[in-house]
Amino acid sequence: MPIKPKPFTFVCDECGWKKIVAPRSDALGPGDWFARCPKCGSEALSHRSADVFDRTVAEWLARLRRF
């Protein structure tokens, strides 16, 4: 059975760019995954589980985009 991933955060180790991602389903779409930083182009990205505040904000923004 498909399982929707929990929100996670990408952080660029070079420039500090940060993006919180809350996928709508188990199939990741455009903007749900990054191989390099869109700001500086570095491949030194780390990703981690979003903390409670970031997760809440990302989920609310995802809901607002549906309208």
C-alpha atoms as a PDB file:
ATOM      1  CA  MET A   1       0.000   0.000   0.000  1.00  0.00           C
ATOM      2  CA  PRO A   2       1.395   3.461  -0.906  1.00  0.00           C
ATOM      3  CA  ILE A   3       2.337   5.648   2.036  1.00  0.00           C
ATOM      4  CA  LYS A   4       2.552   9.437   1.772  1.00  0.00           C
ATOM      5  CA  PRO A   5       5.958  10.660   3.027  1.00  0.00           C
ATOM      6  CA  LYS A   6       6.090  13.042   5.951  1.00  0.00           C
ATOM      7  CA  PRO A   7       7.253  16.609   5.237  1.00  0.00           C
ATOM      8  CA  PHE A   8      10.993  17.115   5.060  1.00  0.00           C
ATOM      9  CA  THR A   9      13.416  20.021   4.740  1.00  0.00           C
ATOM     10  CA  PHE A  10      16.220  20.564   2.228  1.00  0.00           C
ATOM     11  CA  VAL A  11      19.126  22.792   3.336  1.00  0.00           C
ATOM     12  CA  CYS A  12      22.062  23.916   1.191  1.00  0.00           C
ATOM     13  CA  ASP A  13      25.332  23.594   3.089  1.00  0.00           C
ATOM     14  CA  GLU A  14      26.958  26.239   0.853  1.00  0.00           C
ATOM     15  CA  CYS A  15      24.543  29.201   0.805  1.00  0.00           C
ATOM     16  CA  GLY A  16      21.962  28.322   3.493  1.00  0.00           C
ATOM     17  CA  TRP A  17      18.984  28.015   1.111  1.00  0.00           C
ATOM     18  CA  LYS A  18      16.114  26.154   2.771  1.00  0.00           C
ATOM     19  CA  LYS A  19      12.956  24.535   1.349  1.00  0.00           C
ATOM     20  CA  ILE A  20      10.261  22.638   3.237  1.00  0.00           C
ATOM     21  CA  VAL A  21       8.496  20.000   1.138  1.00  0.00           C
ATOM     22  CA  ALA A  22       5.151  18.384   2.014  1.00  0.00           C
ATOM     23  CA  PRO A  23       4.403  15.860  -0.769  1.00  0.00           C
ATOM     24  CA  ARG A  24       0.741  15.405  -1.670  1.00  0.00           C
ATOM     25  CA  SER A  25       1.132  11.668  -2.280  1.00  0.00           C
ATOM     26  CA  ASP A  26       3.693   8.866  -2.416  1.00  0.00           C
ATOM     27  CA  ALA A  27       4.576   9.897  -6.005  1.00  0.00           C
ATOM     28  CA  LEU A  28       6.995  12.821  -5.820  1.00  0.00           C
ATOM     29  CA  GLY A  29       6.342  15.525  -8.390  1.00  0.00           C
ATOM     30  CA  PRO A  30       8.253  18.579  -9.619  1.00  0.00           C
ATOM     31  CA  GLY A  31       9.491  20.622  -6.685  1.00  0.00           C
ATOM     32  CA  ASP A  32       9.289  17.706  -4.249  1.00  0.00           C
ATOM     33  CA  TRP A  33      12.938  16.656  -4.647  1.00  0.00           C
ATOM     34  CA  PHE A  34      16.138  18.593  -5.340  1.00  0.00           C
ATOM     35  CA  ALA A  35      19.482  17.194  -6.546  1.00  0.00           C
ATOM     36  CA  ARG A  36      21.180  20.597  -6.399  1.00  0.00           C
ATOM     37  CA  CYS A  37      20.515  23.985  -4.849  1.00  0.00           C
ATOM     38  CA  PRO A  38      18.326  26.187  -7.090  1.00  0.00           C
ATOM     39  CA  LYS A  39      19.957  29.313  -5.631  1.00  0.00           C
ATOM     40  CA  CYS A  40      23.697  28.571  -5.998  1.00  0.00           C
ATOM     41  CA  GLY A  41      23.787  25.277  -7.943  1.00  0.00           C
ATOM     42  CA  SER A  42      25.704  23.386  -5.245  1.00  0.00           C
ATOM     43  CA  GLU A  43      25.170  19.645  -4.874  1.00  0.00           C
ATOM     44  CA  ALA A  44      25.899  19.891  -1.135  1.00  0.00           C
ATOM     45  CA  LEU A  45      22.256  19.540  -0.078  1.00  0.00           C
ATOM     46  CA  SER A  46      21.167  17.806   3.064  1.00  0.00           C
ATOM     47  CA  HIS A  47      17.629  16.771   3.884  1.00  0.00           C
ATOM     48  CA  ARG A  48      16.020  15.964   7.193  1.00  0.00           C
ATOM     49  CA  SER A  49      12.585  15.497   8.673  1.00  0.00           C
ATOM     50  CA  ALA A  50      10.764  18.787   9.083  1.00  0.00           C
ATOM     51  CA  ASP A  51      10.351  19.962  12.653  1.00  0.00           C
ATOM     52  CA  VAL A  52       6.855  20.518  14.065  1.00  0.00           C
ATOM     53  CA  PHE A  53       6.601  24.193  13.073  1.00  0.00           C
ATOM     54  CA  ASP A  54       7.962  23.655   9.539  1.00  0.00           C
ATOM     55  CA  ARG A  55       5.717  20.626   9.031  1.00  0.00           C
ATOM     56  CA  THR A  56       2.612  22.554  10.101  1.00  0.00           C
ATOM     57  CA  VAL A  57       3.412  25.502   7.828  1.00  0.00           C
ATOM     58  CA  ALA A  58       4.140  23.240   4.840  1.00  0.00           C
ATOM     59  CA  GLU A  59       0.927  21.275   5.268  1.00  0.00           C
ATOM     60  CA  TRP A  60      -1.180  24.448   5.533  1.00  0.00           C
ATOM     61  CA  LEU A  61       0.459  25.932   2.441  1.00  0.00           C
ATOM     62  CA  ALA A  62      -0.175  22.701   0.535  1.00  0.00           C
ATOM     63  CA  ARG A  63      -3.853  22.880   1.506  1.00  0.00           C
ATOM     64  CA  LEU A  64      -4.117  26.512   0.386  1.00  0.00           C
ATOM     65  CA  ARG A  65      -2.615  25.639  -3.032  1.00  0.00           C
ATOM     66  CA  ARG A  66      -5.491  23.218  -3.683  1.00  0.00           C
ATOM     67  CA  PHE A  67      -7.995  26.106  -3.843  1.00  0.00           C
END
